Every structure is written in structure tokens, then in C-alpha cells.
Amino acid sequence: MTDNDRREVNRAAIALVAAVILSMGAAGYAGFWIAHDDEPSPQAAAPTPAPVPTAFPSLAIPLLPPPVTTPPPSTTSAPAKRATPTPTPTSTPPRTTRPPAKTPRWEEEVIAATSVLTTGQSWSTNRLRLTVTTGGNLVLQDQGRTVWQTGTKNGVKLVMQNDGHLVLYDANNGTAFSSGTAGNPGAVLILRPDGNMVIALNGRILFETGTGD
């Protein structure tokens, strides 16, 4: 074998050994990374549960506050407030409203000739009364109140004469009082609804007491 052949053989042997060494190194490097990937990651490990205090074994500690539930708005309307009545003072009695008084319907009385009154007798309406009193006076009353009188003390008889004269006679047939309307035959004595007493002839007043409203 020549020197050239020997050199070629050495080169081939060296190349073969280098290839084996490289292949072995590559295999070892690959196995290292495969084994490294199969190991569990420290981050994926399950957390170790915290020890529960032995003093409160059944106490649950919530991590978050419970959710707040807002009730739906009520559709029921609130009851209306009652007004507080104002107390009536006890010292002042309530005022009673009285209905207005009705005006009476007064009547009229006409005394013609020759009408006569004696002691204690009267001519009257539902308002006026003309009376010869026991004391001899001739009195006109309006609803019980004296509004006119002759002021005599001896009259015993009153006559409405046919000549239109009203005369109060005494016991001796003398004149105690007279209206001064003689000479008017057909005149009458009227007790009027307005409270006045008159002697009139055909609507013309000859004598009056002046006691009307």
C-alpha cells in the first residue's frame, strides 16, 4: 500500500469518527430538550390551599360582597294625606243662622156708620185694636203696644156717626172726645194694614192718628 492510499484511509476513518461523534451529540441534545419539555411547568401546578383556622372551622369568608338587588319601583300610589281639621275654639259657641222672619200679612177693618163701642169693647184687626177702656180712655194699640189715645177718663160709649163724626160720649151723653169730621155723611173709620187709623170719604182722609209705617 502506498502512502497515498494510507492517507486516504486515515482521512476516511477520521471522517467516520467525526460523523459518529456529531450524530451522538445531536441525539443527546435532542433527548435533553424532549425530557425538559415533559417536566411539569411550575406555573401550571395547582395552588396549595390555605390552611383553615381551627378556631372557626365552619366560618365561610366570602371573597367578594354579595350583589345588591334593587327592588323594582312600586306602582302602588301613596295614600293621600288627610287634612288636619282646625279645632273650633271651645270658648266661642257656633253661630246659628236663623231664617229671615216672614212679614205677616196685615188685615184691614172698615167701620161704617152707625157702629157703637161701649166700655171694654174693641174694633180690631190682626195688627190694630181700638178699645174703650174701663177707665174712660180710648186707646189704639199696634200689636199690643199703645200708639195713640185720647187721654180721657170719662168715656163710656164710642159712636161712628152717619155724618162722618167719631164721638166718645160720657155717662151724661156729653162729648168726651170727637174727631171733628162732622158734615161728611158716608165717611168710614178704617183700621189700615200699615198701622194707621183714619176717617176717610171716597179715599180722602178726613182724620188720622198718624201711626202708620
N, C-alpha and C. Protein backbone atom coordinates (compact mmCIF):
# COMPACT_ATOMS: atom_id res chain seq x y z
N MET A 1 0.88 -1.19 0.00
CA MET A 1 0.00 0.00 0.00
C MET A 1 0.91 1.22 0.00
N THR A 2 0.44 2.11 -0.80
CA THR A 2 1.26 3.31 -0.91
C THR A 2 0.88 4.29 0.13
N ASP A 3 1.77 5.30 0.18
CA ASP A 3 1.49 6.36 1.19
C ASP A 3 0.21 7.11 0.87
N ASN A 4 -0.09 7.29 -0.34
CA ASN A 4 -1.33 7.99 -0.70
C ASN A 4 -2.54 7.20 -0.24
N ASP A 5 -2.43 5.83 -0.43
CA ASP A 5 -3.57 5.00 -0.01
C ASP A 5 -3.76 5.10 1.48
N ARG A 6 -2.61 5.11 2.20
CA ARG A 6 -2.71 5.18 3.66
C ARG A 6 -3.38 6.52 4.09
N ARG A 7 -2.97 7.58 3.42
CA ARG A 7 -3.55 8.87 3.78
C ARG A 7 -5.05 8.89 3.51
N GLU A 8 -5.49 8.30 2.44
CA GLU A 8 -6.92 8.28 2.11
C GLU A 8 -7.68 7.49 3.15
N VAL A 9 -7.06 6.33 3.56
CA VAL A 9 -7.73 5.50 4.56
C VAL A 9 -7.85 6.26 5.87
N ASN A 10 -6.86 7.00 6.25
CA ASN A 10 -6.90 7.76 7.52
C ASN A 10 -7.96 8.86 7.46
N ARG A 11 -7.98 9.50 6.32
CA ARG A 11 -8.99 10.57 6.17
C ARG A 11 -10.39 10.00 6.28
N ALA A 12 -10.64 8.86 5.67
CA ALA A 12 -11.97 8.25 5.74
C ALA A 12 -12.33 7.86 7.14
N ALA A 13 -11.31 7.31 7.86
CA ALA A 13 -11.57 6.89 9.25
C ALA A 13 -11.88 8.08 10.11
N ILE A 14 -11.11 9.16 9.91
CA ILE A 14 -11.34 10.37 10.71
C ILE A 14 -12.73 10.95 10.42
N ALA A 15 -13.11 10.94 9.16
CA ALA A 15 -14.43 11.47 8.80
C ALA A 15 -15.54 10.65 9.40
N LEU A 16 -15.31 9.30 9.43
CA LEU A 16 -16.33 8.42 10.01
C LEU A 16 -16.48 8.66 11.49
N VAL A 17 -15.31 8.79 12.15
CA VAL A 17 -15.38 9.03 13.61
C VAL A 17 -16.05 10.36 13.91
N ALA A 18 -15.74 11.39 13.12
CA ALA A 18 -16.35 12.69 13.35
C ALA A 18 -17.86 12.65 13.14
N ALA A 19 -18.26 11.86 12.11
CA ALA A 19 -19.71 11.77 11.87
C ALA A 19 -20.42 11.10 13.00
N VAL A 20 -19.73 10.03 13.55
CA VAL A 20 -20.36 9.32 14.69
C VAL A 20 -20.48 10.25 15.88
N ILE A 21 -19.39 10.99 16.12
CA ILE A 21 -19.41 11.90 17.29
C ILE A 21 -20.49 12.97 17.13
N LEU A 22 -20.61 13.49 15.92
CA LEU A 22 -21.63 14.55 15.70
C LEU A 22 -23.04 14.00 15.86
N SER A 23 -23.22 12.76 15.33
CA SER A 23 -24.56 12.17 15.46
C SER A 23 -24.92 11.90 16.90
N MET A 24 -23.92 11.45 17.68
CA MET A 24 -24.18 11.16 19.09
C MET A 24 -24.50 12.46 19.85
N GLY A 25 -23.78 13.52 19.51
CA GLY A 25 -24.04 14.80 20.19
C GLY A 25 -25.42 15.35 19.85
N ALA A 26 -25.81 15.22 18.58
CA ALA A 26 -27.13 15.70 18.20
C ALA A 26 -28.24 14.94 18.90
N ALA A 27 -28.00 13.56 19.02
CA ALA A 27 -29.02 12.75 19.69
C ALA A 27 -29.16 13.13 21.15
N GLY A 28 -28.02 13.37 21.81
CA GLY A 28 -28.06 13.75 23.23
C GLY A 28 -28.72 15.09 23.45
N TYR A 29 -28.48 16.05 22.56
CA TYR A 29 -29.09 17.38 22.67
C TYR A 29 -30.60 17.32 22.51
N ALA A 30 -31.00 16.46 21.51
CA ALA A 30 -32.45 16.31 21.31
C ALA A 30 -33.12 15.65 22.47
N GLY A 31 -32.49 14.62 23.06
CA GLY A 31 -33.09 13.95 24.22
C GLY A 31 -33.20 14.85 25.41
N PHE A 32 -32.21 15.75 25.54
CA PHE A 32 -32.27 16.68 26.67
C PHE A 32 -33.48 17.60 26.59
N TRP A 33 -33.77 18.12 25.43
CA TRP A 33 -34.91 19.05 25.29
C TRP A 33 -36.23 18.32 25.38
N ILE A 34 -36.26 17.07 24.88
CA ILE A 34 -37.52 16.31 25.00
C ILE A 34 -37.84 16.05 26.44
N ALA A 35 -36.80 15.61 27.22
CA ALA A 35 -37.01 15.35 28.66
C ALA A 35 -37.38 16.61 29.39
N HIS A 36 -36.81 17.75 28.96
CA HIS A 36 -37.11 19.03 29.60
C HIS A 36 -38.53 19.48 29.37
N ASP A 37 -39.03 19.19 28.14
CA ASP A 37 -40.42 19.57 27.83
C ASP A 37 -41.41 18.72 28.56
N ASP A 38 -41.07 17.44 28.94
CA ASP A 38 -42.03 16.56 29.62
C ASP A 38 -42.22 16.92 31.07
N GLU A 39 -41.28 17.68 31.65
CA GLU A 39 -41.42 18.03 33.06
C GLU A 39 -42.56 19.03 33.25
N PRO A 40 -43.38 18.92 34.34
CA PRO A 40 -44.49 19.87 34.56
C PRO A 40 -43.97 21.27 34.85
N SER A 41 -44.67 22.25 34.30
CA SER A 41 -44.28 23.65 34.48
C SER A 41 -44.61 24.10 35.87
N PRO A 42 -43.72 24.83 36.50
CA PRO A 42 -44.02 25.32 37.87
C PRO A 42 -45.25 26.20 37.91
N GLN A 43 -45.52 26.95 36.78
CA GLN A 43 -46.67 27.84 36.78
C GLN A 43 -47.97 27.08 36.69
N ALA A 44 -47.99 25.88 36.10
CA ALA A 44 -49.24 25.12 35.95
C ALA A 44 -49.58 24.31 37.16
N ALA A 45 -48.72 24.27 38.14
CA ALA A 45 -49.00 23.46 39.33
C ALA A 45 -50.16 24.05 40.09
N ALA A 46 -50.98 23.18 40.65
CA ALA A 46 -52.17 23.61 41.40
C ALA A 46 -51.75 24.32 42.66
N PRO A 47 -52.43 25.45 42.99
CA PRO A 47 -52.05 26.18 44.21
C PRO A 47 -52.36 25.39 45.45
N THR A 48 -51.49 25.54 46.40
CA THR A 48 -51.69 24.85 47.68
C THR A 48 -52.76 25.58 48.46
N PRO A 49 -53.88 24.89 48.89
CA PRO A 49 -54.95 25.58 49.64
C PRO A 49 -54.45 26.14 50.94
N ALA A 50 -54.96 27.33 51.27
CA ALA A 50 -54.55 27.97 52.52
C ALA A 50 -55.15 27.23 53.68
N PRO A 51 -54.42 27.12 54.75
CA PRO A 51 -54.94 26.40 55.93
C PRO A 51 -56.12 27.14 56.53
N VAL A 52 -57.16 26.41 56.89
CA VAL A 52 -58.37 26.96 57.52
C VAL A 52 -58.12 27.08 59.00
N PRO A 53 -58.42 28.26 59.58
CA PRO A 53 -58.19 28.41 61.04
C PRO A 53 -59.02 27.39 61.80
N THR A 54 -58.39 26.78 62.80
CA THR A 54 -59.07 25.74 63.59
C THR A 54 -60.08 26.34 64.54
N ALA A 55 -59.95 27.67 64.87
CA ALA A 55 -60.89 28.27 65.83
C ALA A 55 -62.27 28.46 65.23
N PHE A 56 -62.35 28.68 63.88
CA PHE A 56 -63.63 28.87 63.19
C PHE A 56 -63.69 27.92 62.02
N PRO A 57 -63.91 26.64 62.27
CA PRO A 57 -63.86 25.67 61.16
C PRO A 57 -65.03 25.80 60.20
N SER A 58 -66.18 26.36 60.66
CA SER A 58 -67.34 26.42 59.79
C SER A 58 -67.62 27.80 59.24
N LEU A 59 -66.73 28.79 59.49
CA LEU A 59 -66.96 30.16 59.06
C LEU A 59 -66.50 30.32 57.63
N ALA A 60 -67.45 30.69 56.75
CA ALA A 60 -67.11 30.93 55.34
C ALA A 60 -66.81 32.39 55.14
N ILE A 61 -65.66 32.68 54.56
CA ILE A 61 -65.23 34.05 54.33
C ILE A 61 -65.41 34.35 52.86
N PRO A 62 -66.44 35.16 52.51
CA PRO A 62 -66.63 35.45 51.08
C PRO A 62 -65.53 36.36 50.58
N LEU A 63 -65.08 36.06 49.38
CA LEU A 63 -64.03 36.87 48.76
C LEU A 63 -64.59 38.17 48.22
N LEU A 64 -65.87 38.17 47.76
CA LEU A 64 -66.50 39.35 47.21
C LEU A 64 -67.80 39.65 47.95
N PRO A 65 -68.21 40.92 48.11
CA PRO A 65 -69.50 41.22 48.77
C PRO A 65 -70.66 40.72 47.91
N PRO A 66 -71.75 40.32 48.57
CA PRO A 66 -72.90 39.82 47.80
C PRO A 66 -73.48 40.92 46.94
N PRO A 67 -74.00 40.56 45.78
CA PRO A 67 -74.58 41.59 44.90
C PRO A 67 -75.79 42.26 45.53
N VAL A 68 -75.92 43.55 45.30
CA VAL A 68 -77.04 44.33 45.83
C VAL A 68 -78.19 44.29 44.83
N THR A 69 -79.33 43.80 45.28
CA THR A 69 -80.50 43.68 44.41
C THR A 69 -81.40 44.88 44.64
N THR A 70 -81.64 45.66 43.62
CA THR A 70 -82.52 46.84 43.71
C THR A 70 -83.95 46.43 43.43
N PRO A 71 -84.87 46.63 44.42
CA PRO A 71 -86.26 46.24 44.17
C PRO A 71 -86.88 47.08 43.07
N PRO A 72 -87.79 46.51 42.32
CA PRO A 72 -88.44 47.28 41.25
C PRO A 72 -89.28 48.41 41.82
N PRO A 73 -89.43 49.49 41.10
CA PRO A 73 -90.24 50.62 41.62
C PRO A 73 -91.68 50.20 41.84
N SER A 74 -92.22 50.66 42.98
CA SER A 74 -93.58 50.30 43.32
C SER A 74 -94.56 51.09 42.48
N THR A 75 -95.58 50.40 41.98
CA THR A 75 -96.62 51.07 41.18
C THR A 75 -97.81 51.49 42.01
N THR A 76 -97.78 51.12 43.32
CA THR A 76 -98.90 51.49 44.19
C THR A 76 -98.72 52.93 44.64
N SER A 77 -99.71 53.75 44.39
CA SER A 77 -99.63 55.16 44.76
C SER A 77 -99.73 55.32 46.26
N ALA A 78 -99.01 56.27 46.77
CA ALA A 78 -99.03 56.53 48.20
C ALA A 78 -100.40 57.05 48.62
N PRO A 79 -100.86 56.66 49.82
CA PRO A 79 -102.18 57.15 50.26
C PRO A 79 -102.18 58.65 50.45
N ALA A 80 -103.29 59.26 50.07
CA ALA A 80 -103.41 60.72 50.18
C ALA A 80 -103.42 61.13 51.64
N LYS A 81 -102.74 62.24 51.91
CA LYS A 81 -102.70 62.74 53.27
C LYS A 81 -104.02 63.42 53.62
N ARG A 82 -104.50 63.13 54.80
CA ARG A 82 -105.74 63.76 55.26
C ARG A 82 -105.43 65.11 55.89
N ALA A 83 -106.27 66.06 55.53
CA ALA A 83 -106.09 67.39 56.10
C ALA A 83 -106.46 67.37 57.57
N THR A 84 -105.63 67.99 58.38
CA THR A 84 -105.90 68.05 59.81
C THR A 84 -106.93 69.13 60.07
N PRO A 85 -108.11 68.75 60.62
CA PRO A 85 -109.13 69.78 60.86
C PRO A 85 -108.69 70.78 61.91
N THR A 86 -109.07 72.03 61.69
CA THR A 86 -108.74 73.08 62.64
C THR A 86 -109.71 73.01 63.80
N PRO A 87 -109.21 72.84 65.02
CA PRO A 87 -110.14 72.74 66.16
C PRO A 87 -110.93 74.01 66.37
N THR A 88 -112.19 73.86 66.66
CA THR A 88 -113.05 75.01 66.94
C THR A 88 -112.86 75.44 68.37
N PRO A 89 -112.58 76.72 68.60
CA PRO A 89 -112.39 77.17 69.99
C PRO A 89 -113.62 76.84 70.83
N THR A 90 -113.36 76.25 72.00
CA THR A 90 -114.47 75.85 72.85
C THR A 90 -115.12 77.04 73.54
N SER A 91 -114.38 78.17 73.60
CA SER A 91 -114.93 79.32 74.30
C SER A 91 -115.98 80.07 73.47
N THR A 92 -115.97 79.87 72.15
CA THR A 92 -116.92 80.58 71.29
C THR A 92 -117.94 79.60 70.74
N PRO A 93 -119.20 79.68 71.14
CA PRO A 93 -120.20 78.73 70.62
C PRO A 93 -120.46 78.98 69.15
N PRO A 94 -120.78 77.93 68.41
CA PRO A 94 -121.07 78.12 66.97
C PRO A 94 -122.29 79.01 66.77
N ARG A 95 -122.21 79.85 65.75
CA ARG A 95 -123.31 80.77 65.46
C ARG A 95 -124.39 80.06 64.66
N THR A 96 -125.59 80.22 65.13
CA THR A 96 -126.73 79.58 64.47
C THR A 96 -127.40 80.59 63.54
N THR A 97 -127.50 80.21 62.28
CA THR A 97 -128.13 81.09 61.30
C THR A 97 -129.64 80.89 61.34
N ARG A 98 -130.34 81.95 61.64
CA ARG A 98 -131.80 81.87 61.71
C ARG A 98 -132.40 82.30 60.38
N PRO A 99 -133.44 81.61 59.95
CA PRO A 99 -134.09 82.03 58.71
C PRO A 99 -134.74 83.39 58.89
N PRO A 100 -134.78 84.19 57.86
CA PRO A 100 -135.40 85.52 57.99
C PRO A 100 -136.87 85.41 58.36
N ALA A 101 -137.27 86.31 59.27
CA ALA A 101 -138.66 86.29 59.73
C ALA A 101 -139.60 86.72 58.59
N LYS A 102 -140.69 86.01 58.50
CA LYS A 102 -141.67 86.33 57.48
C LYS A 102 -142.52 87.52 57.92
N THR A 103 -142.73 88.44 57.02
CA THR A 103 -143.59 89.60 57.32
C THR A 103 -145.06 89.17 57.30
N PRO A 104 -145.77 89.38 58.43
CA PRO A 104 -147.18 88.97 58.45
C PRO A 104 -148.01 89.75 57.43
N ARG A 105 -149.06 89.15 57.01
CA ARG A 105 -149.98 89.82 56.10
C ARG A 105 -151.06 90.49 56.95
N TRP A 106 -150.89 91.81 57.11
CA TRP A 106 -151.81 92.53 57.97
C TRP A 106 -153.16 92.74 57.28
N GLU A 107 -154.19 92.73 58.13
CA GLU A 107 -155.57 92.87 57.63
C GLU A 107 -156.05 94.33 57.80
N GLU A 108 -157.20 94.59 57.20
CA GLU A 108 -157.84 95.91 57.28
C GLU A 108 -159.27 95.75 57.74
N GLU A 109 -159.67 96.69 58.57
CA GLU A 109 -161.05 96.67 59.08
C GLU A 109 -161.70 98.04 58.80
N VAL A 110 -162.93 98.01 58.19
CA VAL A 110 -163.68 99.23 57.88
C VAL A 110 -164.93 99.27 58.78
N ILE A 111 -165.06 100.36 59.54
CA ILE A 111 -166.22 100.53 60.43
C ILE A 111 -167.10 101.65 59.84
N ALA A 112 -168.28 101.24 59.45
CA ALA A 112 -169.22 102.20 58.84
C ALA A 112 -170.18 102.76 59.90
N ALA A 113 -170.95 103.79 59.51
CA ALA A 113 -171.96 104.36 60.42
C ALA A 113 -173.13 103.37 60.50
N THR A 114 -173.82 103.28 61.56
CA THR A 114 -173.54 103.93 62.84
C THR A 114 -173.11 102.85 63.82
N SER A 115 -171.84 102.50 63.84
CA SER A 115 -171.30 101.45 64.71
C SER A 115 -170.99 102.06 66.08
N VAL A 116 -171.14 101.22 67.15
CA VAL A 116 -171.00 101.71 68.52
C VAL A 116 -170.09 100.76 69.32
N LEU A 117 -169.24 101.36 70.17
CA LEU A 117 -168.44 100.61 71.15
C LEU A 117 -168.80 101.11 72.54
N THR A 118 -168.88 100.18 73.49
CA THR A 118 -169.09 100.56 74.89
C THR A 118 -167.88 100.12 75.72
N THR A 119 -167.91 100.42 76.98
CA THR A 119 -166.76 100.17 77.86
C THR A 119 -166.31 98.70 77.77
N GLY A 120 -164.98 98.48 77.52
CA GLY A 120 -164.40 97.13 77.44
C GLY A 120 -164.45 96.50 76.06
N GLN A 121 -165.16 97.15 75.10
CA GLN A 121 -165.27 96.58 73.76
C GLN A 121 -164.21 97.19 72.82
N SER A 122 -163.99 96.45 71.65
CA SER A 122 -162.93 96.87 70.72
C SER A 122 -163.33 96.61 69.28
N TRP A 123 -162.74 97.41 68.38
CA TRP A 123 -162.69 97.09 66.95
C TRP A 123 -161.23 96.72 66.67
N SER A 124 -161.00 95.64 65.91
CA SER A 124 -159.61 95.19 65.78
C SER A 124 -159.37 94.46 64.47
N THR A 125 -158.06 94.37 64.13
CA THR A 125 -157.53 93.51 63.05
C THR A 125 -156.45 92.64 63.68
N ASN A 126 -155.70 91.93 62.81
CA ASN A 126 -154.59 91.12 63.36
C ASN A 126 -153.37 91.98 63.70
N ARG A 127 -153.54 93.33 63.57
CA ARG A 127 -152.47 94.25 63.96
C ARG A 127 -152.94 95.32 64.92
N LEU A 128 -154.09 95.99 64.63
CA LEU A 128 -154.57 97.13 65.41
C LEU A 128 -155.76 96.72 66.27
N ARG A 129 -155.88 97.43 67.39
CA ARG A 129 -157.06 97.25 68.26
C ARG A 129 -157.43 98.63 68.85
N LEU A 130 -158.71 99.04 68.64
CA LEU A 130 -159.23 100.29 69.21
C LEU A 130 -160.22 99.92 70.31
N THR A 131 -159.93 100.39 71.55
CA THR A 131 -160.69 99.93 72.72
C THR A 131 -161.15 101.13 73.57
N VAL A 132 -162.39 101.02 74.09
CA VAL A 132 -162.87 101.94 75.13
C VAL A 132 -162.55 101.27 76.46
N THR A 133 -161.61 101.81 77.21
CA THR A 133 -161.17 101.15 78.44
C THR A 133 -162.16 101.41 79.57
N THR A 134 -162.01 100.61 80.62
CA THR A 134 -162.87 100.79 81.80
C THR A 134 -162.55 102.10 82.53
N GLY A 135 -161.39 102.65 82.24
CA GLY A 135 -161.02 103.93 82.86
C GLY A 135 -161.51 105.12 82.08
N GLY A 136 -162.30 104.91 81.00
CA GLY A 136 -162.88 106.00 80.24
C GLY A 136 -161.96 106.52 79.14
N ASN A 137 -160.88 105.81 78.80
CA ASN A 137 -159.94 106.25 77.77
C ASN A 137 -160.22 105.51 76.46
N LEU A 138 -159.90 106.14 75.33
CA LEU A 138 -159.99 105.49 74.02
C LEU A 138 -158.54 105.25 73.56
N VAL A 139 -158.19 103.96 73.39
CA VAL A 139 -156.78 103.58 73.17
C VAL A 139 -156.66 102.81 71.87
N LEU A 140 -155.63 103.15 71.07
CA LEU A 140 -155.29 102.39 69.86
C LEU A 140 -153.97 101.67 70.12
N GLN A 141 -153.96 100.34 69.92
CA GLN A 141 -152.77 99.52 70.13
C GLN A 141 -152.33 98.88 68.80
N ASP A 142 -151.00 98.83 68.60
CA ASP A 142 -150.41 98.18 67.42
C ASP A 142 -149.61 96.98 67.92
N GLN A 143 -150.15 95.80 67.67
CA GLN A 143 -149.53 94.53 68.12
C GLN A 143 -149.29 94.55 69.63
N GLY A 144 -150.31 95.05 70.36
CA GLY A 144 -150.27 95.06 71.81
C GLY A 144 -149.61 96.28 72.41
N ARG A 145 -149.03 97.18 71.61
CA ARG A 145 -148.33 98.36 72.12
C ARG A 145 -149.19 99.59 71.85
N THR A 146 -149.42 100.41 72.88
CA THR A 146 -150.24 101.61 72.73
C THR A 146 -149.50 102.64 71.88
N VAL A 147 -150.17 103.07 70.76
CA VAL A 147 -149.55 104.03 69.85
C VAL A 147 -150.35 105.34 69.78
N TRP A 148 -151.58 105.33 70.31
CA TRP A 148 -152.40 106.55 70.29
C TRP A 148 -153.51 106.40 71.33
N GLN A 149 -153.93 107.55 71.94
CA GLN A 149 -155.02 107.54 72.91
C GLN A 149 -155.59 108.95 73.05
N THR A 150 -156.85 108.99 73.57
CA THR A 150 -157.50 110.30 73.77
C THR A 150 -157.10 110.93 75.10
N GLY A 151 -156.69 110.10 76.05
CA GLY A 151 -156.30 110.61 77.37
C GLY A 151 -157.48 110.98 78.24
N THR A 152 -158.67 110.52 77.86
CA THR A 152 -159.88 110.83 78.64
C THR A 152 -160.05 109.81 79.76
N LYS A 153 -160.91 110.21 80.74
CA LYS A 153 -161.18 109.32 81.87
C LYS A 153 -162.67 109.08 82.09
N ASN A 154 -163.50 109.69 81.26
CA ASN A 154 -164.95 109.58 81.48
C ASN A 154 -165.70 109.02 80.29
N GLY A 155 -165.00 108.51 79.28
CA GLY A 155 -165.70 107.97 78.13
C GLY A 155 -166.33 106.63 78.43
N VAL A 156 -167.56 106.45 77.93
CA VAL A 156 -168.26 105.18 78.16
C VAL A 156 -168.83 104.61 76.87
N LYS A 157 -168.92 105.44 75.79
CA LYS A 157 -169.51 104.96 74.53
C LYS A 157 -168.89 105.70 73.36
N LEU A 158 -168.47 104.89 72.33
CA LEU A 158 -167.88 105.46 71.11
C LEU A 158 -168.81 105.18 69.95
N VAL A 159 -169.12 106.25 69.15
CA VAL A 159 -170.06 106.12 68.04
C VAL A 159 -169.42 106.68 66.77
N MET A 160 -169.48 105.85 65.68
CA MET A 160 -169.11 106.33 64.35
C MET A 160 -170.42 106.77 63.71
N GLN A 161 -170.68 108.08 63.69
CA GLN A 161 -171.99 108.60 63.29
C GLN A 161 -172.11 108.67 61.77
N ASN A 162 -173.32 108.74 61.31
CA ASN A 162 -173.57 108.74 59.86
C ASN A 162 -173.20 110.06 59.20
N ASP A 163 -172.89 111.07 59.96
CA ASP A 163 -172.43 112.34 59.38
C ASP A 163 -170.89 112.37 59.25
N GLY A 164 -170.24 111.22 59.53
CA GLY A 164 -168.78 111.12 59.42
C GLY A 164 -168.03 111.55 60.66
N HIS A 165 -168.78 111.76 61.77
CA HIS A 165 -168.18 112.23 63.01
C HIS A 165 -167.97 111.05 63.95
N LEU A 166 -166.72 110.92 64.52
CA LEU A 166 -166.42 109.90 65.55
C LEU A 166 -166.44 110.59 66.90
N VAL A 167 -167.37 110.13 67.80
CA VAL A 167 -167.57 110.82 69.08
C VAL A 167 -167.50 109.81 70.21
N LEU A 168 -166.77 110.20 71.30
CA LEU A 168 -166.72 109.41 72.55
C LEU A 168 -167.58 110.17 73.57
N TYR A 169 -168.66 109.50 74.00
CA TYR A 169 -169.62 110.14 74.92
C TYR A 169 -169.33 109.69 76.34
N ASP A 170 -169.65 110.60 77.30
CA ASP A 170 -169.54 110.23 78.71
C ASP A 170 -170.88 109.69 79.19
N ALA A 171 -170.98 109.43 80.47
CA ALA A 171 -172.21 108.83 81.01
C ALA A 171 -173.40 109.77 80.94
N ASN A 172 -173.19 111.07 80.83
CA ASN A 172 -174.28 112.04 80.73
C ASN A 172 -174.58 112.40 79.30
N ASN A 173 -174.06 111.63 78.36
CA ASN A 173 -174.26 111.83 76.91
C ASN A 173 -173.57 113.10 76.43
N GLY A 174 -172.59 113.51 77.22
CA GLY A 174 -171.79 114.65 76.80
C GLY A 174 -170.59 114.16 75.98
N THR A 175 -169.94 115.07 75.29
CA THR A 175 -168.81 114.69 74.43
C THR A 175 -167.52 114.70 75.24
N ALA A 176 -166.88 113.51 75.31
CA ALA A 176 -165.55 113.40 75.95
C ALA A 176 -164.45 113.59 74.92
N PHE A 177 -164.74 113.16 73.66
CA PHE A 177 -163.77 113.32 72.57
C PHE A 177 -164.54 113.26 71.26
N SER A 178 -164.04 114.06 70.21
CA SER A 178 -164.63 113.98 68.88
C SER A 178 -163.54 114.18 67.84
N SER A 179 -163.75 113.59 66.66
CA SER A 179 -162.75 113.65 65.58
C SER A 179 -162.82 114.96 64.81
N GLY A 180 -163.89 115.71 64.94
CA GLY A 180 -164.03 116.97 64.22
C GLY A 180 -164.30 116.78 62.75
N THR A 181 -164.96 115.68 62.39
CA THR A 181 -165.21 115.40 60.96
C THR A 181 -166.71 115.40 60.64
N ALA A 182 -167.49 116.13 61.40
CA ALA A 182 -168.93 116.20 61.13
C ALA A 182 -169.18 116.88 59.80
N GLY A 183 -170.32 116.57 59.20
CA GLY A 183 -170.69 117.13 57.91
C GLY A 183 -170.16 116.33 56.73
N ASN A 184 -169.75 115.08 56.97
CA ASN A 184 -169.25 114.21 55.88
C ASN A 184 -170.00 112.88 55.91
N PRO A 185 -171.30 112.95 55.54
CA PRO A 185 -172.04 111.69 55.55
C PRO A 185 -171.43 110.68 54.58
N GLY A 186 -171.44 109.42 55.03
CA GLY A 186 -170.85 108.34 54.23
C GLY A 186 -169.39 108.07 54.55
N ALA A 187 -168.78 108.92 55.40
CA ALA A 187 -167.38 108.67 55.79
C ALA A 187 -167.31 107.42 56.67
N VAL A 188 -166.18 106.75 56.63
CA VAL A 188 -165.99 105.49 57.39
C VAL A 188 -164.71 105.59 58.21
N LEU A 189 -164.66 104.75 59.28
CA LEU A 189 -163.45 104.63 60.09
C LEU A 189 -162.70 103.38 59.59
N ILE A 190 -161.39 103.51 59.36
CA ILE A 190 -160.61 102.39 58.80
C ILE A 190 -159.39 102.12 59.69
N LEU A 191 -159.25 100.84 60.09
CA LEU A 191 -158.02 100.37 60.74
C LEU A 191 -157.16 99.77 59.62
N ARG A 192 -156.13 100.49 59.20
CA ARG A 192 -155.41 100.11 57.98
C ARG A 192 -154.27 99.12 58.27
N PRO A 193 -153.83 98.35 57.25
CA PRO A 193 -152.75 97.38 57.44
C PRO A 193 -151.42 98.03 57.78
N ASP A 194 -151.24 99.31 57.45
CA ASP A 194 -149.95 99.95 57.73
C ASP A 194 -149.86 100.47 59.16
N GLY A 195 -150.91 100.25 59.99
CA GLY A 195 -150.89 100.66 61.39
C GLY A 195 -151.53 102.00 61.65
N ASN A 196 -152.06 102.65 60.64
CA ASN A 196 -152.68 103.96 60.81
C ASN A 196 -154.20 103.78 60.94
N MET A 197 -154.83 104.64 61.76
CA MET A 197 -156.30 104.67 61.86
C MET A 197 -156.76 105.98 61.25
N VAL A 198 -157.72 105.90 60.28
CA VAL A 198 -158.16 107.09 59.56
C VAL A 198 -159.69 107.11 59.46
N ILE A 199 -160.18 108.33 59.22
CA ILE A 199 -161.58 108.52 58.81
C ILE A 199 -161.50 109.08 57.40
N ALA A 200 -162.13 108.38 56.45
CA ALA A 200 -161.98 108.76 55.04
C ALA A 200 -163.34 108.76 54.35
N LEU A 201 -163.43 109.60 53.32
CA LEU A 201 -164.63 109.68 52.50
C LEU A 201 -164.19 109.62 51.04
N ASN A 202 -164.59 108.55 50.38
CA ASN A 202 -164.24 108.34 48.97
C ASN A 202 -162.72 108.47 48.73
N GLY A 203 -161.94 107.90 49.64
CA GLY A 203 -160.49 107.91 49.51
C GLY A 203 -159.81 109.14 50.06
N ARG A 204 -160.58 110.14 50.45
CA ARG A 204 -160.00 111.37 51.01
C ARG A 204 -159.96 111.26 52.52
N ILE A 205 -158.78 111.45 53.10
CA ILE A 205 -158.61 111.30 54.54
C ILE A 205 -159.07 112.59 55.24
N LEU A 206 -159.99 112.38 56.22
CA LEU A 206 -160.52 113.50 56.99
C LEU A 206 -159.86 113.58 58.36
N PHE A 207 -159.46 112.43 58.88
CA PHE A 207 -158.82 112.38 60.21
C PHE A 207 -157.89 111.17 60.21
N GLU A 208 -156.72 111.26 60.93
CA GLU A 208 -155.82 110.12 61.09
C GLU A 208 -155.04 110.24 62.38
N THR A 209 -154.63 109.10 62.91
CA THR A 209 -153.84 109.07 64.13
C THR A 209 -152.35 109.26 63.86
N GLY A 210 -151.93 109.07 62.59
CA GLY A 210 -150.51 109.25 62.23
C GLY A 210 -149.61 108.15 62.76
N THR A 211 -150.13 106.96 62.92
CA THR A 211 -149.38 105.85 63.46
C THR A 211 -148.96 104.83 62.42
N GLY A 212 -149.07 105.18 61.13
CA GLY A 212 -148.71 104.23 60.09
C GLY A 212 -147.22 104.05 59.93
N ASP A 213 -146.81 103.00 59.21
CA ASP A 213 -145.40 102.70 58.95
C ASP A 213 -144.77 103.82 58.10
